Full PDB file with SEQRES, HELIX, SHEET, SSBOND, CRYST1, ORIGX, SCALE, CONECT and MASTER records, all heavy atoms in Angstrom:
SEQRES   1 A   30  ILE ARG PHE PRO SER LYS TRP TYR LYS LEU ASN GLU ASN          
SEQRES   2 A   30  ILE GLU ARG ILE ASN GLU LEU LEU GLN ASN THR GLN VAL          
SEQRES   3 A   30  GLU ILE SER ILE                                              
HELIX    1 AA1 TRP A    7  LEU A   20  1                                  14    
CRYST1    1.000    1.000    1.000  90.00  90.00  90.00 P 1           1          
ORIGX1      1.000000  0.000000  0.000000        0.00000                         
ORIGX2      0.000000  1.000000  0.000000        0.00000                         
ORIGX3      0.000000  0.000000  1.000000        0.00000                         
SCALE1      1.000000  0.000000  0.000000        0.00000                         
SCALE2      0.000000  1.000000  0.000000        0.00000                         
SCALE3      0.000000  0.000000  1.000000        0.00000                         
ATOM      1  N   ILE A   1     -12.044  -0.578 -33.565  1.00  0.00           N  
ATOM      2  CA  ILE A   1     -10.809  -0.381 -34.329  1.00  0.00           C  
ATOM      3  C   ILE A   1     -10.181  -1.724 -34.686  1.00  0.00           C  
ATOM      4  O   ILE A   1      -9.778  -1.945 -35.833  1.00  0.00           O  
ATOM      5  CB  ILE A   1      -9.805   0.477 -33.526  1.00  0.00           C  
ATOM      6  CG1 ILE A   1     -10.350   1.890 -33.314  1.00  0.00           C  
ATOM      7  CG2 ILE A   1      -8.451   0.533 -34.233  1.00  0.00           C  
ATOM      8  CD1 ILE A   1      -9.506   2.744 -32.385  1.00  0.00           C  
ATOM      9  N   ARG A   2     -10.106  -2.623 -33.710  1.00  0.00           N  
ATOM     10  CA  ARG A   2      -9.459  -3.915 -33.914  1.00  0.00           C  
ATOM     11  C   ARG A   2     -10.526  -5.004 -34.050  1.00  0.00           C  
ATOM     12  O   ARG A   2     -10.534  -5.996 -33.326  1.00  0.00           O  
ATOM     13  CB  ARG A   2      -8.478  -4.192 -32.781  1.00  0.00           C  
ATOM     14  CG  ARG A   2      -7.448  -3.065 -32.601  1.00  0.00           C  
ATOM     15  CD  ARG A   2      -6.316  -3.448 -31.693  1.00  0.00           C  
ATOM     16  NE  ARG A   2      -5.537  -4.534 -32.249  1.00  0.00           N  
ATOM     17  CZ  ARG A   2      -4.599  -4.396 -33.184  1.00  0.00           C  
ATOM     18  NH1 ARG A   2      -4.316  -3.200 -33.674  1.00  0.00           N  
ATOM     19  NH2 ARG A   2      -3.940  -5.437 -33.642  1.00  0.00           N  
ATOM     20  N   PHE A   3     -11.402  -4.815 -34.974  1.00  0.00           N  
ATOM     21  CA  PHE A   3     -12.559  -5.683 -35.223  1.00  0.00           C  
ATOM     22  C   PHE A   3     -12.121  -7.079 -35.680  1.00  0.00           C  
ATOM     23  O   PHE A   3     -11.208  -7.205 -36.501  1.00  0.00           O  
ATOM     24  CB  PHE A   3     -13.428  -5.027 -36.313  1.00  0.00           C  
ATOM     25  CG  PHE A   3     -14.717  -5.719 -36.593  1.00  0.00           C  
ATOM     26  CD1 PHE A   3     -15.836  -5.441 -35.837  1.00  0.00           C  
ATOM     27  CD2 PHE A   3     -14.825  -6.637 -37.631  1.00  0.00           C  
ATOM     28  CE1 PHE A   3     -17.046  -6.072 -36.107  1.00  0.00           C  
ATOM     29  CE2 PHE A   3     -16.016  -7.269 -37.905  1.00  0.00           C  
ATOM     30  CZ  PHE A   3     -17.131  -6.986 -37.142  1.00  0.00           C  
ATOM     31  N   PRO A   4     -12.730  -8.170 -35.149  1.00  0.00           N  
ATOM     32  CA  PRO A   4     -13.772  -8.223 -34.124  1.00  0.00           C  
ATOM     33  C   PRO A   4     -13.236  -8.682 -32.766  1.00  0.00           C  
ATOM     34  O   PRO A   4     -13.763  -9.618 -32.163  1.00  0.00           O  
ATOM     35  CB  PRO A   4     -14.716  -9.276 -34.707  1.00  0.00           C  
ATOM     36  CG  PRO A   4     -13.774 -10.257 -35.376  1.00  0.00           C  
ATOM     37  CD  PRO A   4     -12.588  -9.467 -35.846  1.00  0.00           C  
ATOM     38  N   SER A   5     -12.171  -8.056 -32.284  1.00  0.00           N  
ATOM     39  CA  SER A   5     -11.618  -8.426 -30.982  1.00  0.00           C  
ATOM     40  C   SER A   5     -12.609  -8.117 -29.862  1.00  0.00           C  
ATOM     41  O   SER A   5     -13.551  -7.340 -30.052  1.00  0.00           O  
ATOM     42  CB  SER A   5     -10.303  -7.684 -30.729  1.00  0.00           C  
ATOM     43  OG  SER A   5     -10.539  -6.293 -30.585  1.00  0.00           O  
ATOM     44  N   LYS A   6     -12.387  -8.738 -28.708  1.00  0.00           N  
ATOM     45  CA  LYS A   6     -13.236  -8.523 -27.532  1.00  0.00           C  
ATOM     46  C   LYS A   6     -12.371  -8.003 -26.394  1.00  0.00           C  
ATOM     47  O   LYS A   6     -11.428  -8.674 -25.961  1.00  0.00           O  
ATOM     48  CB  LYS A   6     -13.939  -9.817 -27.120  1.00  0.00           C  
ATOM     49  CG  LYS A   6     -14.864 -10.381 -28.202  1.00  0.00           C  
ATOM     50  CD  LYS A   6     -15.986  -9.411 -28.549  1.00  0.00           C  
ATOM     51  CE  LYS A   6     -16.891  -9.956 -29.645  1.00  0.00           C  
ATOM     52  NZ  LYS A   6     -17.892  -8.957 -30.093  1.00  0.00           N  
ATOM     53  N   TRP A   7     -12.695  -6.833 -25.902  1.00  0.00           N  
ATOM     54  CA  TRP A   7     -11.911  -6.164 -24.870  1.00  0.00           C  
ATOM     55  C   TRP A   7     -11.674  -7.054 -23.655  1.00  0.00           C  
ATOM     56  O   TRP A   7     -10.546  -7.147 -23.146  1.00  0.00           O  
ATOM     57  CB  TRP A   7     -12.616  -4.872 -24.471  1.00  0.00           C  
ATOM     58  CG  TRP A   7     -12.048  -4.175 -23.272  1.00  0.00           C  
ATOM     59  CD1 TRP A   7     -12.588  -4.110 -22.031  1.00  0.00           C  
ATOM     60  CD2 TRP A   7     -10.823  -3.432 -23.224  1.00  0.00           C  
ATOM     61  NE1 TRP A   7     -11.782  -3.385 -21.196  1.00  0.00           N  
ATOM     62  CE2 TRP A   7     -10.687  -2.947 -21.899  1.00  0.00           C  
ATOM     63  CE3 TRP A   7      -9.829  -3.132 -24.146  1.00  0.00           C  
ATOM     64  CZ2 TRP A   7      -9.609  -2.188 -21.497  1.00  0.00           C  
ATOM     65  CZ3 TRP A   7      -8.740  -2.368 -23.741  1.00  0.00           C  
ATOM     66  CH2 TRP A   7      -8.640  -1.900 -22.429  1.00  0.00           C  
ATOM     67  N   TYR A   8     -12.723  -7.731 -23.191  1.00  0.00           N  
ATOM     68  CA  TYR A   8     -12.589  -8.543 -21.977  1.00  0.00           C  
ATOM     69  C   TYR A   8     -11.588  -9.675 -22.178  1.00  0.00           C  
ATOM     70  O   TYR A   8     -10.846 -10.044 -21.256  1.00  0.00           O  
ATOM     71  CB  TYR A   8     -13.956  -9.104 -21.548  1.00  0.00           C  
ATOM     72  CG  TYR A   8     -14.438 -10.280 -22.364  1.00  0.00           C  
ATOM     73  CD1 TYR A   8     -14.127 -11.586 -22.004  1.00  0.00           C  
ATOM     74  CD2 TYR A   8     -15.195 -10.100 -23.524  1.00  0.00           C  
ATOM     75  CE1 TYR A   8     -14.551 -12.671 -22.754  1.00  0.00           C  
ATOM     76  CE2 TYR A   8     -15.628 -11.171 -24.282  1.00  0.00           C  
ATOM     77  CZ  TYR A   8     -15.304 -12.447 -23.895  1.00  0.00           C  
ATOM     78  OH  TYR A   8     -15.721 -13.516 -24.648  1.00  0.00           O  
ATOM     79  N   LYS A   9     -11.544 -10.232 -23.394  1.00  0.00           N  
ATOM     80  CA  LYS A   9     -10.658 -11.360 -23.671  1.00  0.00           C  
ATOM     81  C   LYS A   9      -9.198 -10.929 -23.654  1.00  0.00           C  
ATOM     82  O   LYS A   9      -8.324 -11.651 -23.153  1.00  0.00           O  
ATOM     83  CB  LYS A   9     -11.010 -11.970 -25.036  1.00  0.00           C  
ATOM     84  CG  LYS A   9     -10.276 -13.277 -25.330  1.00  0.00           C  
ATOM     85  CD  LYS A   9     -10.681 -14.356 -24.333  1.00  0.00           C  
ATOM     86  CE  LYS A   9     -10.016 -15.684 -24.655  1.00  0.00           C  
ATOM     87  NZ  LYS A   9     -10.352 -16.735 -23.652  1.00  0.00           N  
ATOM     88  N   LEU A  10      -8.909  -9.748 -24.180  1.00  0.00           N  
ATOM     89  CA  LEU A  10      -7.539  -9.234 -24.166  1.00  0.00           C  
ATOM     90  C   LEU A  10      -7.036  -9.114 -22.732  1.00  0.00           C  
ATOM     91  O   LEU A  10      -5.910  -9.502 -22.405  1.00  0.00           O  
ATOM     92  CB  LEU A  10      -7.464  -7.866 -24.839  1.00  0.00           C  
ATOM     93  CG  LEU A  10      -8.115  -7.693 -26.210  1.00  0.00           C  
ATOM     94  CD1 LEU A  10      -7.941  -6.262 -26.696  1.00  0.00           C  
ATOM     95  CD2 LEU A  10      -7.521  -8.670 -27.209  1.00  0.00           C  
ATOM     96  N   ASN A  11      -7.880  -8.562 -21.866  1.00  0.00           N  
ATOM     97  CA  ASN A  11      -7.492  -8.376 -20.471  1.00  0.00           C  
ATOM     98  C   ASN A  11      -7.319  -9.709 -19.758  1.00  0.00           C  
ATOM     99  O   ASN A  11      -6.389  -9.880 -18.956  1.00  0.00           O  
ATOM    100  CB  ASN A  11      -8.541  -7.519 -19.759  1.00  0.00           C  
ATOM    101  CG  ASN A  11      -8.424  -6.055 -20.113  1.00  0.00           C  
ATOM    102  OD1 ASN A  11      -7.661  -5.317 -19.526  1.00  0.00           O  
ATOM    103  ND2 ASN A  11      -9.187  -5.626 -21.114  1.00  0.00           N  
ATOM    104  N   GLU A  12      -8.193 -10.660 -20.042  1.00  0.00           N  
ATOM    105  CA  GLU A  12      -8.063 -11.992 -19.447  1.00  0.00           C  
ATOM    106  C   GLU A  12      -6.733 -12.628 -19.814  1.00  0.00           C  
ATOM    107  O   GLU A  12      -6.046 -13.214 -18.961  1.00  0.00           O  
ATOM    108  CB  GLU A  12      -9.207 -12.899 -19.916  1.00  0.00           C  
ATOM    109  CG  GLU A  12     -10.536 -12.644 -19.242  1.00  0.00           C  
ATOM    110  CD  GLU A  12     -11.602 -13.615 -19.722  1.00  0.00           C  
ATOM    111  OE1 GLU A  12     -11.292 -14.472 -20.593  1.00  0.00           O  
ATOM    112  OE2 GLU A  12     -12.749 -13.526 -19.243  1.00  0.00           O  
ATOM    113  N   ASN A  13      -6.350 -12.519 -21.075  1.00  0.00           N  
ATOM    114  CA  ASN A  13      -5.106 -13.141 -21.541  1.00  0.00           C  
ATOM    115  C   ASN A  13      -3.883 -12.486 -20.919  1.00  0.00           C  
ATOM    116  O   ASN A  13      -2.922 -13.175 -20.535  1.00  0.00           O  
ATOM    117  CB  ASN A  13      -5.032 -13.066 -23.060  1.00  0.00           C  
ATOM    118  CG  ASN A  13      -5.950 -14.065 -23.744  1.00  0.00           C  
ATOM    119  OD1 ASN A  13      -6.327 -15.080 -23.155  1.00  0.00           O  
ATOM    120  ND2 ASN A  13      -6.314 -13.791 -24.984  1.00  0.00           N  
ATOM    121  N   ILE A  14      -3.890 -11.165 -20.797  1.00  0.00           N  
ATOM    122  CA  ILE A  14      -2.751 -10.473 -20.181  1.00  0.00           C  
ATOM    123  C   ILE A  14      -2.631 -10.849 -18.706  1.00  0.00           C  
ATOM    124  O   ILE A  14      -1.531 -11.113 -18.196  1.00  0.00           O  
ATOM    125  CB  ILE A  14      -2.899  -8.947 -20.361  1.00  0.00           C  
ATOM    126  CG1 ILE A  14      -2.694  -8.573 -21.832  1.00  0.00           C  
ATOM    127  CG2 ILE A  14      -1.887  -8.200 -19.482  1.00  0.00           C  
ATOM    128  CD1 ILE A  14      -2.954  -7.116 -22.144  1.00  0.00           C  
ATOM    129  N   GLU A  15      -3.758 -10.901 -17.992  1.00  0.00           N  
ATOM    130  CA  GLU A  15      -3.742 -11.292 -16.582  1.00  0.00           C  
ATOM    131  C   GLU A  15      -3.227 -12.718 -16.415  1.00  0.00           C  
ATOM    132  O   GLU A  15      -2.448 -13.019 -15.497  1.00  0.00           O  
ATOM    133  CB  GLU A  15      -5.153 -11.169 -15.998  1.00  0.00           C  
ATOM    134  CG  GLU A  15      -5.618  -9.718 -15.847  1.00  0.00           C  
ATOM    135  CD  GLU A  15      -7.071  -9.622 -15.391  1.00  0.00           C  
ATOM    136  OE1 GLU A  15      -7.658 -10.691 -15.078  1.00  0.00           O  
ATOM    137  OE2 GLU A  15      -7.609  -8.513 -15.364  1.00  0.00           O  
ATOM    138  N   ARG A  16      -3.663 -13.598 -17.297  1.00  0.00           N  
ATOM    139  CA  ARG A  16      -3.238 -15.005 -17.232  1.00  0.00           C  
ATOM    140  C   ARG A  16      -1.735 -15.133 -17.450  1.00  0.00           C  
ATOM    141  O   ARG A  16      -1.047 -15.871 -16.733  1.00  0.00           O  
ATOM    142  CB  ARG A  16      -4.001 -15.777 -18.304  1.00  0.00           C  
ATOM    143  CG  ARG A  16      -3.686 -17.254 -18.399  1.00  0.00           C  
ATOM    144  CD  ARG A  16      -4.694 -17.913 -19.328  1.00  0.00           C  
ATOM    145  NE  ARG A  16      -4.221 -19.169 -19.847  1.00  0.00           N  
ATOM    146  CZ  ARG A  16      -4.223 -19.500 -21.129  1.00  0.00           C  
ATOM    147  NH1 ARG A  16      -4.664 -18.644 -22.032  1.00  0.00           N  
ATOM    148  NH2 ARG A  16      -3.794 -20.688 -21.527  1.00  0.00           N  
ATOM    149  N   ILE A  17      -1.190 -14.410 -18.411  1.00  0.00           N  
ATOM    150  CA  ILE A  17       0.244 -14.449 -18.687  1.00  0.00           C  
ATOM    151  C   ILE A  17       1.034 -13.927 -17.489  1.00  0.00           C  
ATOM    152  O   ILE A  17       2.046 -14.518 -17.081  1.00  0.00           O  
ATOM    153  CB  ILE A  17       0.562 -13.624 -19.956  1.00  0.00           C  
ATOM    154  CG1 ILE A  17       0.055 -14.368 -21.191  1.00  0.00           C  
ATOM    155  CG2 ILE A  17       2.053 -13.346 -20.064  1.00  0.00           C  
ATOM    156  CD1 ILE A  17       0.013 -13.525 -22.431  1.00  0.00           C  
ATOM    157  N   ASN A  18       0.585 -12.841 -16.900  1.00  0.00           N  
ATOM    158  CA  ASN A  18       1.275 -12.274 -15.737  1.00  0.00           C  
ATOM    159  C   ASN A  18       1.267 -13.226 -14.552  1.00  0.00           C  
ATOM    160  O   ASN A  18       2.223 -13.271 -13.767  1.00  0.00           O  
ATOM    161  CB  ASN A  18       0.634 -10.941 -15.347  1.00  0.00           C  
ATOM    162  CG  ASN A  18       0.998  -9.816 -16.298  1.00  0.00           C  
ATOM    163  OD1 ASN A  18       2.061  -9.824 -16.910  1.00  0.00           O  
ATOM    164  ND2 ASN A  18       0.107  -8.846 -16.428  1.00  0.00           N  
ATOM    165  N   GLU A  19       0.199 -13.994 -14.416  1.00  0.00           N  
ATOM    166  CA  GLU A  19       0.080 -14.938 -13.301  1.00  0.00           C  
ATOM    167  C   GLU A  19       0.982 -16.153 -13.485  1.00  0.00           C  
ATOM    168  O   GLU A  19       1.549 -16.671 -12.517  1.00  0.00           O  
ATOM    169  CB  GLU A  19      -1.374 -15.404 -13.162  1.00  0.00           C  
ATOM    170  CG  GLU A  19      -2.316 -14.350 -12.625  1.00  0.00           C  
ATOM    171  CD  GLU A  19      -3.767 -14.813 -12.639  1.00  0.00           C  
ATOM    172  OE1 GLU A  19      -4.009 -15.997 -13.014  1.00  0.00           O  
ATOM    173  OE2 GLU A  19      -4.663 -14.021 -12.300  1.00  0.00           O  
ATOM    174  N   LEU A  20       1.133 -16.613 -14.734  1.00  0.00           N  
ATOM    175  CA  LEU A  20       1.784 -17.894 -14.985  1.00  0.00           C  
ATOM    176  C   LEU A  20       3.254 -17.799 -15.391  1.00  0.00           C  
ATOM    177  O   LEU A  20       3.973 -18.784 -15.320  1.00  0.00           O  
ATOM    178  CB  LEU A  20       1.018 -18.660 -16.069  1.00  0.00           C  
ATOM    179  CG  LEU A  20      -0.433 -19.039 -15.718  1.00  0.00           C  
ATOM    180  CD1 LEU A  20      -1.100 -19.714 -16.908  1.00  0.00           C  
ATOM    181  CD2 LEU A  20      -0.459 -19.959 -14.496  1.00  0.00           C  
ATOM    182  N   LEU A  21       3.696 -16.614 -15.820  1.00  0.00           N  
ATOM    183  CA  LEU A  21       5.066 -16.487 -16.318  1.00  0.00           C  
ATOM    184  C   LEU A  21       5.849 -15.445 -15.529  1.00  0.00           C  
ATOM    185  O   LEU A  21       5.335 -14.382 -15.204  1.00  0.00           O  
ATOM    186  CB  LEU A  21       5.046 -16.104 -17.803  1.00  0.00           C  
ATOM    187  CG  LEU A  21       4.472 -17.145 -18.776  1.00  0.00           C  
ATOM    188  CD1 LEU A  21       4.342 -16.553 -20.164  1.00  0.00           C  
ATOM    189  CD2 LEU A  21       5.351 -18.394 -18.814  1.00  0.00           C  
ATOM    190  N   GLN A  22       7.116 -15.773 -15.252  1.00  0.00           N  
ATOM    191  CA  GLN A  22       7.980 -14.863 -14.499  1.00  0.00           C  
ATOM    192  C   GLN A  22       8.980 -14.124 -15.396  1.00  0.00           C  
ATOM    193  O   GLN A  22       9.528 -13.098 -14.997  1.00  0.00           O  
ATOM    194  CB  GLN A  22       8.768 -15.661 -13.434  1.00  0.00           C  
ATOM    195  CG  GLN A  22       7.888 -16.439 -12.478  1.00  0.00           C  
ATOM    196  CD  GLN A  22       6.984 -15.537 -11.654  1.00  0.00           C  
ATOM    197  OE1 GLN A  22       7.429 -14.494 -11.166  1.00  0.00           O  
ATOM    198  NE2 GLN A  22       5.728 -15.927 -11.491  1.00  0.00           N  
ATOM    199  N   ASN A  23       9.209 -14.650 -16.584  1.00  0.00           N  
ATOM    200  CA  ASN A  23      10.270 -14.122 -17.457  1.00  0.00           C  
ATOM    201  C   ASN A  23       9.717 -13.200 -18.535  1.00  0.00           C  
ATOM    202  O   ASN A  23      10.316 -13.048 -19.596  1.00  0.00           O  
ATOM    203  CB  ASN A  23      11.015 -15.278 -18.128  1.00  0.00           C  
ATOM    204  CG  ASN A  23      10.096 -16.114 -19.027  1.00  0.00           C  
ATOM    205  OD1 ASN A  23       8.883 -16.132 -18.829  1.00  0.00           O  
ATOM    206  ND2 ASN A  23      10.669 -16.800 -20.006  1.00  0.00           N  
ATOM    207  N   THR A  24       8.583 -12.565 -18.271  1.00  0.00           N  
ATOM    208  CA  THR A  24       7.834 -11.892 -19.326  1.00  0.00           C  
ATOM    209  C   THR A  24       7.736 -10.386 -19.119  1.00  0.00           C  
ATOM    210  O   THR A  24       7.518  -9.914 -18.000  1.00  0.00           O  
ATOM    211  CB  THR A  24       6.407 -12.476 -19.416  1.00  0.00           C  
ATOM    212  OG1 THR A  24       6.509 -13.877 -19.633  1.00  0.00           O  
ATOM    213  CG2 THR A  24       5.632 -11.839 -20.554  1.00  0.00           C  
ATOM    214  N   GLN A  25       7.884  -9.671 -20.203  1.00  0.00           N  
ATOM    215  CA  GLN A  25       7.646  -8.230 -20.220  1.00  0.00           C  
ATOM    216  C   GLN A  25       6.484  -7.961 -21.181  1.00  0.00           C  
ATOM    217  O   GLN A  25       6.604  -8.159 -22.381  1.00  0.00           O  
ATOM    218  CB  GLN A  25       8.894  -7.483 -20.688  1.00  0.00           C  
ATOM    219  CG  GLN A  25       8.709  -5.969 -20.785  1.00  0.00           C  
ATOM    220  CD  GLN A  25      10.002  -5.260 -21.151  1.00  0.00           C  
ATOM    221  OE1 GLN A  25      11.065  -5.579 -20.622  1.00  0.00           O  
ATOM    222  NE2 GLN A  25       9.917  -4.301 -22.054  1.00  0.00           N  
ATOM    223  N   VAL A  26       5.370  -7.533 -20.632  1.00  0.00           N  
ATOM    224  CA  VAL A  26       4.203  -7.192 -21.443  1.00  0.00           C  
ATOM    225  C   VAL A  26       4.224  -5.694 -21.724  1.00  0.00           C  
ATOM    226  O   VAL A  26       4.363  -4.885 -20.809  1.00  0.00           O  
ATOM    227  CB  VAL A  26       2.890  -7.580 -20.729  1.00  0.00           C  
ATOM    228  CG1 VAL A  26       1.674  -7.105 -21.533  1.00  0.00           C  
ATOM    229  CG2 VAL A  26       2.823  -9.091 -20.518  1.00  0.00           C  
ATOM    230  N   GLU A  27       4.120  -5.334 -22.986  1.00  0.00           N  
ATOM    231  CA  GLU A  27       4.080  -3.933 -23.396  1.00  0.00           C  
ATOM    232  C   GLU A  27       2.800  -3.687 -24.192  1.00  0.00           C  
ATOM    233  O   GLU A  27       2.265  -4.602 -24.813  1.00  0.00           O  
ATOM    234  CB  GLU A  27       5.301  -3.575 -24.254  1.00  0.00           C  
ATOM    235  CG  GLU A  27       6.619  -3.817 -23.548  1.00  0.00           C  
ATOM    236  CD  GLU A  27       7.816  -3.459 -24.416  1.00  0.00           C  
ATOM    237  OE1 GLU A  27       7.607  -2.970 -25.554  1.00  0.00           O  
ATOM    238  OE2 GLU A  27       8.958  -3.667 -23.963  1.00  0.00           O  
ATOM    239  N   ILE A  28       2.341  -2.461 -24.170  1.00  0.00           N  
ATOM    240  CA  ILE A  28       1.139  -2.092 -24.915  1.00  0.00           C  
ATOM    241  C   ILE A  28       1.549  -1.215 -26.098  1.00  0.00           C  
ATOM    242  O   ILE A  28       2.194  -0.174 -25.909  1.00  0.00           O  
ATOM    243  CB  ILE A  28       0.130  -1.340 -24.023  1.00  0.00           C  
ATOM    244  CG1 ILE A  28      -0.149  -2.134 -22.745  1.00  0.00           C  
ATOM    245  CG2 ILE A  28      -1.154  -1.065 -24.800  1.00  0.00           C  
ATOM    246  CD1 ILE A  28      -0.719  -3.513 -22.951  1.00  0.00           C  
ATOM    247  N   SER A  29       1.197  -1.664 -27.296  1.00  0.00           N  
ATOM    248  CA  SER A  29       1.519  -0.919 -28.517  1.00  0.00           C  
ATOM    249  C   SER A  29       0.244  -0.295 -29.073  1.00  0.00           C  
ATOM    250  O   SER A  29      -0.725  -1.002 -29.365  1.00  0.00           O  
ATOM    251  CB  SER A  29       2.143  -1.845 -29.565  1.00  0.00           C  
ATOM    252  OG  SER A  29       3.421  -2.271 -29.155  1.00  0.00           O  
ATOM    253  N   ILE A  30       0.269   1.019 -29.201  1.00  0.00           N  
ATOM    254  CA  ILE A  30      -0.912   1.776 -29.628  1.00  0.00           C  
ATOM    255  C   ILE A  30      -0.640   2.456 -30.962  1.00  0.00           C  
ATOM    256  O   ILE A  30       0.405   3.089 -31.146  1.00  0.00           O  
ATOM    257  CB  ILE A  30      -1.273   2.848 -28.585  1.00  0.00           C  
ATOM    258  CG1 ILE A  30      -1.517   2.202 -27.211  1.00  0.00           C  
ATOM    259  CG2 ILE A  30      -2.494   3.656 -29.027  1.00  0.00           C  
ATOM    260  CD1 ILE A  30      -1.616   3.208 -26.070  1.00  0.00           C  
TER     261      ILE A  30                                                      
MASTER        0    0    0    1    0    0    0    6  260    1    0    3          
END                                                                             
């Protein structure tokens, strides 16, 4: 659907943001 994104990369980036930032709200838009 979101060509040519890579599923694993999206998850890596979200995990990295959660680890490094305290002032962040991550939401999923579908």
